Amino acid sequence: MQHVEEDALVDERSLSKLRWRCRRGLLENDLFIERFFARHADTLTVRQARGMTQLMDLSDHDLMDLLMGRKQPEGETDTPEAHDVLKMLRV
């Protein structure tokens, strides 16, 4: 049953909270994030939202390093969910 919940679409309230959580200080990060939501907001799953939340726990500069491919996720951010969302953000 948990697998089904992981693949369930994020509800509107959770999506709104996630968008708010994704506001960043660096314009460059915001551009990646805005493009991500423009492409994926309607199909975002619970699992992907969790990956995005993990990435948003990073500092702006660490996030930019990941987005630009200068670093790979490590520590608490080194999860399959974060890796998947990172790929989505980079496209």
N, C-alpha and C. Protein backbone atom coordinates (compact mmCIF):
# COMPACT_ATOMS: atom_id res chain seq x y z
N MET A 1 0.81 -1.20 0.00
CA MET A 1 0.00 0.00 0.00
C MET A 1 0.86 1.27 0.00
N GLN A 2 1.99 1.24 0.70
CA GLN A 2 2.84 2.41 0.75
C GLN A 2 3.33 2.78 -0.64
N HIS A 3 3.62 1.80 -1.49
CA HIS A 3 4.08 2.07 -2.84
C HIS A 3 3.07 2.92 -3.61
N VAL A 4 1.79 2.61 -3.44
CA VAL A 4 0.74 3.38 -4.11
C VAL A 4 0.75 4.81 -3.59
N GLU A 5 0.91 4.98 -2.29
CA GLU A 5 0.94 6.31 -1.71
C GLU A 5 2.13 7.12 -2.21
N GLU A 6 3.28 6.46 -2.39
CA GLU A 6 4.47 7.12 -2.90
C GLU A 6 4.25 7.67 -4.31
N ASP A 7 3.49 6.94 -5.10
CA ASP A 7 3.23 7.33 -6.49
C ASP A 7 2.00 8.21 -6.64
N ALA A 8 1.30 8.46 -5.55
CA ALA A 8 0.12 9.32 -5.60
C ALA A 8 0.55 10.75 -5.91
N LEU A 9 -0.31 11.47 -6.61
CA LEU A 9 -0.03 12.87 -6.90
C LEU A 9 -0.15 13.70 -5.63
N VAL A 10 0.66 14.71 -5.55
CA VAL A 10 0.63 15.64 -4.43
C VAL A 10 -0.66 16.45 -4.51
N ASP A 11 -1.35 16.61 -3.39
CA ASP A 11 -2.58 17.41 -3.41
C ASP A 11 -2.25 18.90 -3.49
N GLU A 12 -3.24 19.70 -3.83
CA GLU A 12 -3.04 21.14 -4.06
C GLU A 12 -2.44 21.85 -2.85
N ARG A 13 -2.91 21.52 -1.67
CA ARG A 13 -2.41 22.17 -0.45
C ARG A 13 -0.93 21.86 -0.25
N SER A 14 -0.57 20.59 -0.39
CA SER A 14 0.83 20.20 -0.23
C SER A 14 1.70 20.82 -1.31
N LEU A 15 1.19 20.90 -2.52
CA LEU A 15 1.94 21.52 -3.61
C LEU A 15 2.17 23.00 -3.33
N SER A 16 1.15 23.67 -2.82
CA SER A 16 1.29 25.08 -2.47
C SER A 16 2.33 25.29 -1.38
N LYS A 17 2.31 24.44 -0.38
CA LYS A 17 3.31 24.52 0.70
C LYS A 17 4.72 24.26 0.16
N LEU A 18 4.83 23.29 -0.74
CA LEU A 18 6.13 22.98 -1.31
C LEU A 18 6.65 24.15 -2.14
N ARG A 19 5.80 24.75 -2.93
CA ARG A 19 6.22 25.94 -3.71
C ARG A 19 6.74 27.03 -2.78
N TRP A 20 6.04 27.26 -1.68
CA TRP A 20 6.46 28.28 -0.72
C TRP A 20 7.82 27.90 -0.13
N ARG A 21 7.98 26.63 0.18
CA ARG A 21 9.22 26.13 0.78
C ARG A 21 10.39 26.26 -0.19
N CYS A 22 10.12 26.27 -1.47
CA CYS A 22 11.16 26.29 -2.50
C CYS A 22 11.66 27.69 -2.85
N ARG A 23 11.12 28.69 -2.23
CA ARG A 23 11.59 30.05 -2.51
C ARG A 23 13.03 30.18 -2.03
N ARG A 24 13.91 30.68 -2.88
CA ARG A 24 15.33 30.72 -2.59
C ARG A 24 15.86 32.13 -2.66
N GLY A 25 17.07 32.32 -2.14
CA GLY A 25 17.72 33.62 -2.15
C GLY A 25 18.48 33.89 -3.44
N LEU A 26 18.95 32.86 -4.09
CA LEU A 26 19.68 33.03 -5.34
C LEU A 26 18.74 32.94 -6.53
N LEU A 27 18.77 33.93 -7.37
CA LEU A 27 17.92 33.97 -8.57
C LEU A 27 18.15 32.74 -9.44
N GLU A 28 19.39 32.32 -9.56
CA GLU A 28 19.71 31.17 -10.40
C GLU A 28 18.97 29.92 -9.93
N ASN A 29 18.93 29.70 -8.62
CA ASN A 29 18.18 28.57 -8.07
C ASN A 29 16.70 28.72 -8.37
N ASP A 30 16.19 29.91 -8.20
CA ASP A 30 14.76 30.16 -8.46
C ASP A 30 14.40 29.84 -9.91
N LEU A 31 15.29 30.14 -10.83
CA LEU A 31 15.01 29.86 -12.24
C LEU A 31 14.89 28.36 -12.49
N PHE A 32 15.79 27.57 -11.91
CA PHE A 32 15.69 26.11 -12.02
C PHE A 32 14.37 25.62 -11.42
N ILE A 33 14.04 26.14 -10.25
CA ILE A 33 12.85 25.69 -9.51
C ILE A 33 11.57 26.10 -10.23
N GLU A 34 11.52 27.32 -10.74
CA GLU A 34 10.33 27.77 -11.48
C GLU A 34 10.10 26.90 -12.71
N ARG A 35 11.17 26.58 -13.43
CA ARG A 35 11.04 25.72 -14.60
C ARG A 35 10.56 24.32 -14.20
N PHE A 36 11.08 23.82 -13.09
CA PHE A 36 10.67 22.51 -12.58
C PHE A 36 9.16 22.49 -12.33
N PHE A 37 8.65 23.48 -11.61
CA PHE A 37 7.23 23.52 -11.31
C PHE A 37 6.39 23.74 -12.56
N ALA A 38 6.87 24.53 -13.49
CA ALA A 38 6.13 24.74 -14.74
C ALA A 38 5.97 23.42 -15.50
N ARG A 39 6.98 22.58 -15.44
CA ARG A 39 6.95 21.31 -16.17
C ARG A 39 6.28 20.17 -15.40
N HIS A 40 6.42 20.16 -14.08
CA HIS A 40 6.07 18.96 -13.32
C HIS A 40 5.00 19.14 -12.24
N ALA A 41 4.51 20.33 -12.02
CA ALA A 41 3.56 20.56 -10.92
C ALA A 41 2.33 19.67 -11.02
N ASP A 42 1.83 19.48 -12.22
CA ASP A 42 0.60 18.69 -12.39
C ASP A 42 0.80 17.20 -12.21
N THR A 43 2.03 16.74 -12.27
CA THR A 43 2.30 15.30 -12.18
C THR A 43 3.23 14.94 -11.02
N LEU A 44 3.47 15.88 -10.13
CA LEU A 44 4.40 15.66 -9.02
C LEU A 44 3.84 14.64 -8.04
N THR A 45 4.64 13.64 -7.71
CA THR A 45 4.22 12.59 -6.78
C THR A 45 4.68 12.91 -5.37
N VAL A 46 4.14 12.18 -4.42
CA VAL A 46 4.53 12.32 -3.02
C VAL A 46 6.03 12.05 -2.88
N ARG A 47 6.51 11.04 -3.55
CA ARG A 47 7.93 10.68 -3.50
C ARG A 47 8.81 11.82 -4.03
N GLN A 48 8.42 12.39 -5.15
CA GLN A 48 9.18 13.49 -5.74
C GLN A 48 9.14 14.73 -4.85
N ALA A 49 8.00 14.98 -4.24
CA ALA A 49 7.88 16.12 -3.33
C ALA A 49 8.83 15.95 -2.14
N ARG A 50 8.96 14.73 -1.67
CA ARG A 50 9.89 14.46 -0.56
C ARG A 50 11.33 14.72 -1.01
N GLY A 51 11.66 14.31 -2.23
CA GLY A 51 13.00 14.58 -2.76
C GLY A 51 13.27 16.06 -2.89
N MET A 52 12.28 16.82 -3.35
CA MET A 52 12.43 18.27 -3.47
C MET A 52 12.64 18.90 -2.09
N THR A 53 11.89 18.44 -1.11
CA THR A 53 12.03 18.96 0.25
C THR A 53 13.43 18.70 0.78
N GLN A 54 13.97 17.52 0.50
CA GLN A 54 15.33 17.21 0.94
C GLN A 54 16.33 18.17 0.31
N LEU A 55 16.16 18.47 -0.96
CA LEU A 55 17.06 19.40 -1.63
C LEU A 55 16.92 20.82 -1.07
N MET A 56 15.71 21.20 -0.69
CA MET A 56 15.48 22.55 -0.18
C MET A 56 16.07 22.75 1.21
N ASP A 57 16.46 21.67 1.87
CA ASP A 57 17.13 21.79 3.17
C ASP A 57 18.58 22.25 3.03
N LEU A 58 19.08 22.27 1.80
CA LEU A 58 20.46 22.69 1.54
C LEU A 58 20.57 24.21 1.49
N SER A 59 21.79 24.69 1.68
CA SER A 59 22.03 26.13 1.50
C SER A 59 21.90 26.45 0.01
N ASP A 60 21.73 27.72 -0.31
CA ASP A 60 21.60 28.13 -1.70
C ASP A 60 22.82 27.72 -2.53
N HIS A 61 24.00 27.90 -1.97
CA HIS A 61 25.21 27.59 -2.73
C HIS A 61 25.40 26.08 -2.92
N ASP A 62 25.08 25.30 -1.91
CA ASP A 62 25.15 23.84 -2.06
C ASP A 62 24.14 23.35 -3.10
N LEU A 63 22.95 23.92 -3.07
CA LEU A 63 21.94 23.56 -4.06
C LEU A 63 22.41 23.92 -5.47
N MET A 64 22.99 25.09 -5.63
CA MET A 64 23.48 25.50 -6.95
C MET A 64 24.58 24.56 -7.43
N ASP A 65 25.46 24.14 -6.53
CA ASP A 65 26.51 23.19 -6.92
C ASP A 65 25.90 21.89 -7.44
N LEU A 66 24.83 21.42 -6.81
CA LEU A 66 24.16 20.21 -7.27
C LEU A 66 23.49 20.44 -8.62
N LEU A 67 22.81 21.56 -8.76
CA LEU A 67 22.10 21.85 -10.00
C LEU A 67 23.06 21.98 -11.17
N MET A 68 24.24 22.52 -10.92
CA MET A 68 25.23 22.71 -11.98
C MET A 68 26.09 21.47 -12.19
N GLY A 69 25.91 20.44 -11.37
CA GLY A 69 26.67 19.21 -11.52
C GLY A 69 28.08 19.27 -10.96
N ARG A 70 28.37 20.30 -10.17
CA ARG A 70 29.70 20.41 -9.57
C ARG A 70 29.87 19.48 -8.38
N LYS A 71 28.76 19.05 -7.80
CA LYS A 71 28.75 18.12 -6.66
C LYS A 71 27.63 17.12 -6.87
N GLN A 72 27.68 16.06 -6.08
CA GLN A 72 26.61 15.06 -6.04
C GLN A 72 26.01 15.08 -4.64
N PRO A 73 24.75 14.69 -4.50
CA PRO A 73 24.14 14.66 -3.17
C PRO A 73 24.94 13.77 -2.21
N GLU A 74 25.00 14.20 -0.97
CA GLU A 74 25.69 13.42 0.06
C GLU A 74 24.96 13.56 1.38
N GLY A 75 25.26 12.68 2.29
CA GLY A 75 24.63 12.72 3.61
C GLY A 75 23.14 12.46 3.51
N GLU A 76 22.35 13.24 4.22
CA GLU A 76 20.90 13.07 4.26
C GLU A 76 20.23 13.33 2.92
N THR A 77 20.93 14.03 2.04
CA THR A 77 20.37 14.35 0.72
C THR A 77 20.68 13.25 -0.30
N ASP A 78 21.51 12.32 0.05
CA ASP A 78 21.88 11.24 -0.87
C ASP A 78 20.83 10.13 -0.82
N THR A 79 19.66 10.44 -1.39
CA THR A 79 18.55 9.50 -1.42
C THR A 79 18.08 9.33 -2.86
N PRO A 80 17.43 8.21 -3.16
CA PRO A 80 16.91 8.04 -4.53
C PRO A 80 15.95 9.16 -4.93
N GLU A 81 15.13 9.61 -3.98
CA GLU A 81 14.17 10.68 -4.27
C GLU A 81 14.88 11.97 -4.67
N ALA A 82 15.90 12.35 -3.91
CA ALA A 82 16.64 13.58 -4.21
C ALA A 82 17.35 13.47 -5.55
N HIS A 83 17.94 12.31 -5.83
CA HIS A 83 18.61 12.11 -7.12
C HIS A 83 17.63 12.24 -8.28
N ASP A 84 16.46 11.65 -8.13
CA ASP A 84 15.45 11.72 -9.20
C ASP A 84 15.00 13.16 -9.45
N VAL A 85 14.74 13.89 -8.39
CA VAL A 85 14.29 15.28 -8.53
C VAL A 85 15.41 16.14 -9.10
N LEU A 86 16.63 15.87 -8.68
CA LEU A 86 17.76 16.60 -9.21
C LEU A 86 17.87 16.43 -10.73
N LYS A 87 17.66 15.23 -11.20
CA LYS A 87 17.65 14.99 -12.65
C LYS A 87 16.55 15.80 -13.32
N MET A 88 15.38 15.85 -12.69
CA MET A 88 14.26 16.60 -13.24
C MET A 88 14.57 18.10 -13.26
N LEU A 89 15.24 18.58 -12.24
CA LEU A 89 15.60 20.00 -12.17
C LEU A 89 16.63 20.37 -13.23
N ARG A 90 17.52 19.47 -13.54
CA ARG A 90 18.61 19.76 -14.49
C ARG A 90 18.17 19.76 -15.94
N VAL A 91 17.07 19.12 -16.25
CA VAL A 91 16.63 19.01 -17.65
C VAL A 91 16.13 20.34 -18.16
